[in-house]
Amino acid sequence: MNSESRSIRRIGLVALVGSALLAAALSSLLLAQAPAEPKKPAAPAAAIQVPMGACPASFVELFKISQEQKKGLMFYLGDQTIGGVVVKAAGDGTVEVRNQEYGRILIKLEEVSAVAMN
C-alpha cells in the first residue's frame, strides 16, 4: 500500500469520526430543545375536617396554613410538646402530623392545650 492510499484512508476515517461527532451533537441539541412532558399536578391536600367543639377555630386556621404551606407547628399536650407539619385532620378528633423523626403522628385534639407556629 502506498502513502497516497494511506492518506485517503486517514481522510475517510477522519470524515467518518467527524460525521459521528456532528450527529451526536445535533441529536443532543434536539433532545435538549424537545418539549418536556407536562408535569402532573400534585394531588390536592386532604381538607381539614375537625368536629365542632373539638378545638378552637384558630387551631383549625393554623392546621390549614401548616398543611398548605408545609410550615411546622408545635403542639402542646400538658407537659409534652410535639412538632410537625400537618398532613390531615380527618374529622375523627385527631390531626395527623409528620416530622423528621416520625413519618406519621396522630394527636388527639382534646389533649392539645396550645398550638404554635413560627
Protein backbone atom coordinates (compact mmCIF):
# COMPACT_ATOMS: atom_id res chain seq x y z
CA MET A 1 0.00 0.00 0.00
CA ASN A 2 1.43 3.32 -0.95
CA SER A 3 1.39 6.54 1.05
CA GLU A 4 -1.30 8.11 -1.15
CA SER A 5 -3.83 5.36 -0.38
CA ARG A 6 -2.98 5.58 3.34
CA SER A 7 -3.69 9.31 3.28
CA ILE A 8 -7.04 8.71 1.58
CA ARG A 9 -7.91 6.10 4.22
CA ARG A 10 -7.00 8.51 7.02
CA ILE A 11 -9.08 11.28 5.47
CA GLY A 12 -12.00 8.86 5.15
CA LEU A 13 -11.62 7.79 8.78
CA VAL A 14 -11.41 11.39 9.99
CA ALA A 15 -14.50 12.27 7.96
CA LEU A 16 -16.37 9.28 9.41
CA VAL A 17 -15.44 10.20 13.01
CA GLY A 18 -16.30 13.86 12.35
CA SER A 19 -19.71 12.86 10.96
CA ALA A 20 -20.42 10.72 14.01
CA LEU A 21 -19.48 13.55 16.36
CA LEU A 22 -21.63 16.00 14.42
CA ALA A 23 -24.60 13.61 14.52
CA ALA A 24 -24.19 13.12 18.27
CA ALA A 25 -24.00 16.86 18.87
CA LEU A 26 -27.09 17.52 16.76
CA SER A 27 -29.12 14.79 18.44
CA SER A 28 -28.22 16.08 21.91
CA LEU A 29 -29.16 19.60 20.82
CA LEU A 30 -32.52 18.38 19.52
CA LEU A 31 -33.19 16.43 22.70
CA ALA A 32 -32.36 19.46 24.80
CA GLN A 33 -34.89 21.55 22.87
CA ALA A 34 -37.61 18.89 22.89
CA PRO A 35 -40.59 19.98 24.97
CA ALA A 36 -40.65 18.29 28.35
CA GLU A 37 -43.62 16.17 29.25
CA PRO A 38 -46.07 18.22 31.27
CA LYS A 39 -45.87 17.53 34.97
CA LYS A 40 -48.91 16.07 36.58
CA PRO A 41 -50.37 18.39 39.17
CA ALA A 42 -49.78 17.33 42.75
CA ALA A 43 -52.66 15.63 44.44
CA PRO A 44 -54.67 18.18 46.36
CA ALA A 45 -54.17 18.07 50.10
CA ALA A 46 -56.93 16.49 52.10
CA ALA A 47 -59.33 19.04 53.51
CA ILE A 48 -59.01 19.84 57.18
CA GLN A 49 -62.10 18.48 58.93
CA VAL A 50 -62.46 18.96 62.65
CA PRO A 51 -65.61 18.14 64.66
CA MET A 52 -67.37 21.15 66.17
CA GLY A 53 -66.05 21.87 69.64
CA ALA A 54 -63.02 19.57 69.31
CA CYS A 55 -60.67 22.56 69.30
CA PRO A 56 -60.80 26.34 68.84
CA ALA A 57 -61.31 27.72 65.31
CA SER A 58 -57.91 29.42 65.49
CA PHE A 59 -56.29 25.96 65.82
CA VAL A 60 -58.04 24.88 62.62
CA GLU A 61 -56.73 28.01 60.87
CA LEU A 62 -53.17 27.10 61.87
CA PHE A 63 -53.72 23.50 60.73
CA LYS A 64 -54.74 24.74 57.27
CA ILE A 65 -51.73 27.06 56.99
CA SER A 66 -49.39 24.28 58.10
CA GLN A 67 -50.81 21.86 55.54
CA GLU A 68 -50.87 24.29 52.61
CA GLN A 69 -47.50 25.98 53.21
CA LYS A 70 -45.73 22.97 54.75
CA LYS A 71 -44.92 25.02 57.86
CA GLY A 72 -44.26 23.30 61.15
CA LEU A 73 -46.44 23.60 64.21
CA MET A 74 -45.65 22.92 67.85
CA PHE A 75 -48.42 21.07 69.69
CA TYR A 76 -48.51 21.42 73.48
CA LEU A 77 -50.09 18.47 75.30
CA GLY A 78 -49.74 19.01 79.04
CA ASP A 79 -46.01 18.79 79.79
CA GLN A 80 -45.20 17.33 76.36
CA THR A 81 -44.54 19.08 73.05
CA ILE A 82 -44.73 17.56 69.59
CA GLY A 83 -43.51 19.38 66.50
CA GLY A 84 -44.53 18.60 62.96
CA VAL A 85 -46.28 19.57 59.73
CA VAL A 86 -50.00 18.84 59.45
CA VAL A 87 -50.78 16.11 56.93
CA LYS A 88 -54.52 15.84 57.55
CA ALA A 89 -57.32 16.19 60.03
CA ALA A 90 -59.88 13.55 59.14
CA GLY A 91 -62.77 14.69 61.33
CA ASP A 92 -62.49 12.00 63.99
CA GLY A 93 -60.99 14.31 66.60
CA THR A 94 -57.36 13.68 65.62
CA VAL A 95 -54.83 15.51 63.50
CA GLU A 96 -52.07 13.67 61.63
CA VAL A 97 -48.64 15.30 61.52
CA ARG A 98 -45.18 14.24 60.41
CA ASN A 99 -41.69 15.38 61.30
CA GLN A 100 -38.08 14.38 60.64
CA GLU A 101 -38.14 11.64 63.24
CA TYR A 102 -41.59 10.13 62.60
CA GLY A 103 -43.46 9.78 59.33
CA ARG A 104 -46.88 9.63 60.99
CA ILE A 105 -48.02 11.05 64.32
CA LEU A 106 -51.68 11.11 65.41
CA ILE A 107 -52.61 13.70 68.03
CA LYS A 108 -55.95 13.71 69.87
CA LEU A 109 -57.29 17.24 69.66
CA GLU A 110 -58.95 17.03 73.08
CA GLU A 111 -55.46 16.69 74.60
CA VAL A 112 -53.98 19.77 72.86
CA SER A 113 -53.78 22.83 75.11
CA ALA A 114 -51.92 25.14 72.68
CA VAL A 115 -50.54 25.27 69.13
CA ALA A 116 -47.64 27.47 67.99
CA MET A 117 -46.28 28.41 64.56
CA ASN A 118 -43.08 30.27 63.69
